[in-house]
Amino acid sequence: MADREPSPQEMRTRLGLGAGLAIGMGIGVALGVSLDNWILGISIGVIIGLSLSVAIGQAPWRRRRGAMPEDPTGDDGTEQEDPAPR
């Protein structure tokens, strides 16, 4: 087995699967207790968990490195004003 660092996509997929199933199972157990039907609650929890894991894995996780907030001053160094509402 080769020792290698997982890619960011692989790490996001692993994180999404674990987090999604944990949240889904929590919801499923709560539903199972409230409905007095553990099988139904856990089944719904697994479905919710897998749905969340796919959503977390597909979410865009872009970060801009070194992105600075918009500069409110104009090119000549004076502060720009918003146009007056009509």
Protein backbone atom coordinates (compact mmCIF):
# COMPACT_ATOMS: atom_id res chain seq x y z
CA MET A 1 0.00 0.00 0.00
CA ALA A 2 1.47 3.32 -1.05
CA ASP A 3 1.80 6.13 1.44
CA ARG A 4 0.29 9.20 -0.18
CA GLU A 5 -1.68 12.23 0.82
CA PRO A 6 -5.33 12.15 -0.30
CA SER A 7 -6.43 14.78 -2.76
CA PRO A 8 -8.69 17.63 -1.60
CA GLN A 9 -11.63 16.07 -3.48
CA GLU A 10 -11.06 12.73 -1.73
CA MET A 11 -10.85 14.42 1.67
CA ARG A 12 -14.06 16.37 0.99
CA THR A 13 -15.80 13.13 -0.02
CA ARG A 14 -14.67 11.39 3.16
CA LEU A 15 -15.70 14.35 5.30
CA GLY A 16 -19.06 14.55 3.54
CA LEU A 17 -19.80 10.87 4.06
CA GLY A 18 -18.99 10.93 7.77
CA ALA A 19 -20.72 14.22 8.52
CA GLY A 20 -23.75 13.42 6.40
CA LEU A 21 -24.30 10.03 7.99
CA ALA A 22 -23.79 11.40 11.50
CA ILE A 23 -26.36 14.16 10.99
CA GLY A 24 -28.77 11.83 9.19
CA MET A 25 -28.56 9.14 11.87
CA GLY A 26 -29.17 11.72 14.57
CA ILE A 27 -32.30 12.85 12.80
CA GLY A 28 -33.30 9.24 12.14
CA VAL A 29 -32.95 8.18 15.76
CA ALA A 30 -34.99 11.20 16.86
CA LEU A 31 -37.71 10.29 14.35
CA GLY A 32 -37.58 6.65 15.40
CA VAL A 33 -38.11 7.53 19.05
CA SER A 34 -40.87 10.02 18.33
CA LEU A 35 -42.71 7.68 15.95
CA ASP A 36 -42.03 4.65 18.18
CA ASN A 37 -40.72 2.84 15.10
CA TRP A 38 -36.92 2.46 15.17
CA ILE A 39 -36.68 0.68 11.82
CA LEU A 40 -38.48 3.46 9.98
CA GLY A 41 -36.52 6.19 11.78
CA ILE A 42 -33.12 4.66 11.09
CA SER A 43 -34.06 4.02 7.45
CA ILE A 44 -35.08 7.64 7.01
CA GLY A 45 -31.90 8.70 8.80
CA VAL A 46 -29.72 6.72 6.38
CA ILE A 47 -31.51 8.27 3.40
CA ILE A 48 -31.08 11.78 4.83
CA GLY A 49 -27.44 11.05 5.67
CA LEU A 50 -26.57 9.82 2.20
CA SER A 51 -28.33 12.82 0.66
CA LEU A 52 -26.36 15.20 2.87
CA SER A 53 -23.09 13.41 2.13
CA VAL A 54 -23.64 13.84 -1.61
CA ALA A 55 -24.55 17.50 -1.11
CA ILE A 56 -21.46 18.16 1.01
CA GLY A 57 -19.23 16.32 -1.44
CA GLN A 58 -20.53 18.28 -4.43
CA ALA A 59 -20.53 21.73 -2.80
CA PRO A 60 -18.09 24.23 -4.29
CA TRP A 61 -15.36 24.87 -1.73
CA ARG A 62 -13.47 27.57 -3.53
CA ARG A 63 -11.33 29.91 -1.53
CA ARG A 64 -9.69 32.95 -2.95
CA ARG A 65 -6.20 33.26 -1.68
CA GLY A 66 -5.15 36.78 -1.00
CA ALA A 67 -8.49 38.25 -2.00
CA MET A 68 -8.88 41.74 -0.64
CA PRO A 69 -12.21 43.46 -0.04
CA GLU A 70 -13.37 46.03 -2.53
CA ASP A 71 -11.61 49.37 -2.18
CA PRO A 72 -14.26 52.09 -1.62
CA THR A 73 -12.02 54.80 -3.04
CA GLY A 74 -11.94 55.77 -6.66
CA ASP A 75 -8.93 55.90 -8.96
CA ASP A 76 -8.08 59.44 -7.83
CA GLY A 77 -8.13 58.46 -4.12
CA THR A 78 -11.45 60.12 -3.30
CA GLU A 79 -14.26 58.12 -1.79
CA GLN A 80 -17.04 57.25 -4.22
CA GLU A 81 -20.61 58.02 -3.24
CA ASP A 82 -23.64 55.93 -4.02
CA PRO A 83 -26.13 57.60 -6.36
CA ALA A 84 -29.07 59.24 -4.63
CA PRO A 85 -32.30 57.20 -4.67
CA ARG A 86 -35.07 58.63 -6.83
